Amino acid sequence: MFTTFVQLQRHGARYPNLLDGQNYSIAVDHLASADKFRDKRLKFLEEYEYDLGADDLVPLGASQ
């Protein structure tokens, strides 16, 4: 049996830089391509689309 652990994280005040965003998108696409999910909490990945911006502040970051 093969188990993969993937953790996506980012700074809370800005969107990821362009390269990180591309890597996150690839990781989400890879996870979403699973034929079935053992954990029902992951079913949202079947329709999830990664759509964060890149290289920009979120409103919280701009206000700091």
N, C-alpha and C. Protein backbone atom coordinates (compact mmCIF):
# COMPACT_ATOMS: atom_id res chain seq x y z
N MET A 1 0.84 -1.18 0.00
CA MET A 1 0.00 0.00 0.00
C MET A 1 0.88 1.24 0.00
N PHE A 2 0.52 2.21 -0.78
CA PHE A 2 1.27 3.45 -0.91
C PHE A 2 0.46 4.60 -0.33
N THR A 3 1.06 5.32 0.59
CA THR A 3 0.38 6.45 1.21
C THR A 3 1.16 7.71 0.92
N THR A 4 0.47 8.75 0.53
CA THR A 4 1.10 10.03 0.26
C THR A 4 0.51 11.07 1.18
N PHE A 5 1.36 11.88 1.76
CA PHE A 5 0.89 12.98 2.61
C PHE A 5 1.28 14.28 1.93
N VAL A 6 0.32 15.13 1.71
CA VAL A 6 0.56 16.41 1.09
C VAL A 6 0.02 17.50 2.01
N GLN A 7 0.82 18.49 2.26
CA GLN A 7 0.36 19.61 3.08
C GLN A 7 0.56 20.88 2.28
N LEU A 8 -0.52 21.61 2.10
CA LEU A 8 -0.46 22.89 1.41
C LEU A 8 -0.62 23.98 2.46
N GLN A 9 0.27 24.95 2.44
CA GLN A 9 0.15 26.06 3.37
C GLN A 9 0.67 27.31 2.70
N ARG A 10 0.26 28.45 3.24
CA ARG A 10 0.72 29.72 2.68
C ARG A 10 0.65 30.78 3.75
N HIS A 11 1.33 31.87 3.51
CA HIS A 11 1.30 33.01 4.41
C HIS A 11 -0.09 33.63 4.36
N GLY A 12 -0.63 34.04 5.48
CA GLY A 12 -2.01 34.53 5.52
C GLY A 12 -2.22 35.92 4.98
N ALA A 13 -1.16 36.71 4.76
CA ALA A 13 -1.32 38.10 4.34
C ALA A 13 -1.11 38.31 2.84
N ARG A 14 -0.71 37.29 2.14
CA ARG A 14 -0.50 37.45 0.70
C ARG A 14 -0.82 36.15 -0.01
N TYR A 15 -1.10 36.28 -1.29
CA TYR A 15 -1.27 35.09 -2.11
C TYR A 15 0.11 34.48 -2.34
N PRO A 16 0.16 33.22 -2.71
CA PRO A 16 1.47 32.61 -2.98
C PRO A 16 2.13 33.25 -4.20
N ASN A 17 3.46 33.13 -4.26
CA ASN A 17 4.12 33.64 -5.47
C ASN A 17 3.71 32.76 -6.64
N LEU A 18 4.03 33.19 -7.83
CA LEU A 18 3.55 32.51 -9.03
C LEU A 18 3.97 31.04 -9.07
N LEU A 19 5.23 30.74 -8.78
CA LEU A 19 5.71 29.36 -8.84
C LEU A 19 5.02 28.49 -7.79
N ASP A 20 4.90 29.00 -6.55
CA ASP A 20 4.20 28.24 -5.52
C ASP A 20 2.75 27.99 -5.91
N GLY A 21 2.10 29.00 -6.46
CA GLY A 21 0.71 28.84 -6.88
C GLY A 21 0.55 27.76 -7.94
N GLN A 22 1.49 27.72 -8.89
CA GLN A 22 1.45 26.68 -9.92
C GLN A 22 1.64 25.30 -9.30
N ASN A 23 2.56 25.22 -8.34
CA ASN A 23 2.80 23.93 -7.67
C ASN A 23 1.59 23.50 -6.85
N TYR A 24 0.93 24.44 -6.18
CA TYR A 24 -0.28 24.12 -5.41
C TYR A 24 -1.37 23.62 -6.34
N SER A 25 -1.53 24.28 -7.47
CA SER A 25 -2.54 23.89 -8.44
C SER A 25 -2.29 22.46 -8.96
N ILE A 26 -1.04 22.15 -9.24
CA ILE A 26 -0.68 20.81 -9.69
C ILE A 26 -0.99 19.79 -8.60
N ALA A 27 -0.66 20.10 -7.36
CA ALA A 27 -0.92 19.18 -6.25
C ALA A 27 -2.42 18.94 -6.08
N VAL A 28 -3.22 20.01 -6.16
CA VAL A 28 -4.67 19.86 -6.03
C VAL A 28 -5.22 19.02 -7.18
N ASP A 29 -4.75 19.28 -8.39
CA ASP A 29 -5.20 18.48 -9.54
C ASP A 29 -4.86 17.00 -9.35
N HIS A 30 -3.67 16.75 -8.83
CA HIS A 30 -3.24 15.36 -8.59
C HIS A 30 -4.16 14.69 -7.55
N LEU A 31 -4.45 15.40 -6.46
CA LEU A 31 -5.34 14.85 -5.45
C LEU A 31 -6.74 14.62 -6.00
N ALA A 32 -7.23 15.57 -6.77
CA ALA A 32 -8.59 15.49 -7.30
C ALA A 32 -8.75 14.38 -8.33
N SER A 33 -7.64 13.93 -8.90
CA SER A 33 -7.73 12.89 -9.94
C SER A 33 -7.91 11.49 -9.36
N ALA A 34 -7.96 11.36 -8.05
CA ALA A 34 -8.16 10.04 -7.44
C ALA A 34 -9.49 9.45 -7.89
N ASP A 35 -9.50 8.15 -8.10
CA ASP A 35 -10.73 7.47 -8.52
C ASP A 35 -11.76 7.42 -7.40
N LYS A 36 -11.27 7.30 -6.18
CA LYS A 36 -12.18 7.29 -5.04
C LYS A 36 -11.42 7.71 -3.80
N PHE A 37 -12.13 8.26 -2.85
CA PHE A 37 -11.54 8.75 -1.61
C PHE A 37 -11.98 7.86 -0.45
N ARG A 38 -11.02 7.38 0.33
CA ARG A 38 -11.37 6.58 1.51
C ARG A 38 -12.04 7.44 2.57
N ASP A 39 -11.56 8.66 2.70
CA ASP A 39 -12.11 9.57 3.71
C ASP A 39 -13.15 10.46 3.04
N LYS A 40 -14.38 10.35 3.46
CA LYS A 40 -15.48 11.11 2.84
C LYS A 40 -15.27 12.61 2.93
N ARG A 41 -14.45 13.09 3.87
CA ARG A 41 -14.20 14.53 4.01
C ARG A 41 -13.43 15.08 2.80
N LEU A 42 -12.85 14.20 2.01
CA LEU A 42 -12.08 14.65 0.84
C LEU A 42 -12.90 14.68 -0.44
N LYS A 43 -14.15 14.31 -0.38
CA LYS A 43 -14.99 14.28 -1.59
C LYS A 43 -15.12 15.66 -2.24
N PHE A 44 -14.95 16.74 -1.46
CA PHE A 44 -15.04 18.08 -2.04
C PHE A 44 -14.00 18.28 -3.14
N LEU A 45 -12.93 17.49 -3.11
CA LEU A 45 -11.88 17.62 -4.13
C LEU A 45 -12.36 17.24 -5.52
N GLU A 46 -13.43 16.48 -5.60
CA GLU A 46 -13.95 16.09 -6.91
C GLU A 46 -14.36 17.30 -7.75
N GLU A 47 -14.77 18.36 -7.11
CA GLU A 47 -15.23 19.55 -7.84
C GLU A 47 -14.44 20.80 -7.49
N TYR A 48 -13.39 20.67 -6.69
CA TYR A 48 -12.62 21.82 -6.23
C TYR A 48 -11.75 22.37 -7.35
N GLU A 49 -11.68 23.67 -7.47
CA GLU A 49 -10.79 24.32 -8.43
C GLU A 49 -9.93 25.32 -7.68
N TYR A 50 -8.64 25.20 -7.82
CA TYR A 50 -7.69 26.12 -7.18
C TYR A 50 -7.74 27.43 -7.94
N ASP A 51 -8.04 28.53 -7.24
CA ASP A 51 -8.19 29.80 -7.95
C ASP A 51 -7.61 31.00 -7.19
N LEU A 52 -6.61 30.75 -6.34
CA LEU A 52 -5.99 31.88 -5.65
C LEU A 52 -5.18 32.71 -6.63
N GLY A 53 -5.06 33.99 -6.34
CA GLY A 53 -4.22 34.86 -7.14
C GLY A 53 -2.76 34.58 -6.88
N ALA A 54 -1.88 35.41 -7.41
CA ALA A 54 -0.44 35.22 -7.21
C ALA A 54 0.24 36.57 -7.06
N ASP A 55 1.29 36.55 -6.24
CA ASP A 55 2.14 37.73 -6.06
C ASP A 55 1.36 39.00 -5.71
N ASP A 56 0.41 38.89 -4.83
CA ASP A 56 -0.39 40.06 -4.45
C ASP A 56 -0.80 39.90 -2.99
N LEU A 57 -1.09 41.01 -2.33
CA LEU A 57 -1.55 40.97 -0.96
C LEU A 57 -3.03 40.68 -0.90
N VAL A 58 -3.45 39.94 0.10
CA VAL A 58 -4.88 39.79 0.37
C VAL A 58 -5.29 41.03 1.16
N PRO A 59 -6.59 41.32 1.31
CA PRO A 59 -7.00 42.53 2.02
C PRO A 59 -6.37 42.67 3.42
N LEU A 60 -6.22 41.57 4.15
CA LEU A 60 -5.58 41.63 5.47
C LEU A 60 -4.15 42.14 5.35
N GLY A 61 -3.40 41.61 4.40
CA GLY A 61 -2.02 42.02 4.21
C GLY A 61 -1.91 43.48 3.80
N ALA A 62 -2.82 43.94 2.96
CA ALA A 62 -2.79 45.34 2.52
C ALA A 62 -3.08 46.29 3.68
N SER A 63 -3.89 45.84 4.64
CA SER A 63 -4.24 46.71 5.76
C SER A 63 -3.13 46.77 6.82
N GLN A 64 -2.19 45.85 6.76
CA GLN A 64 -1.12 45.83 7.76
C GLN A 64 -0.14 46.88 7.42
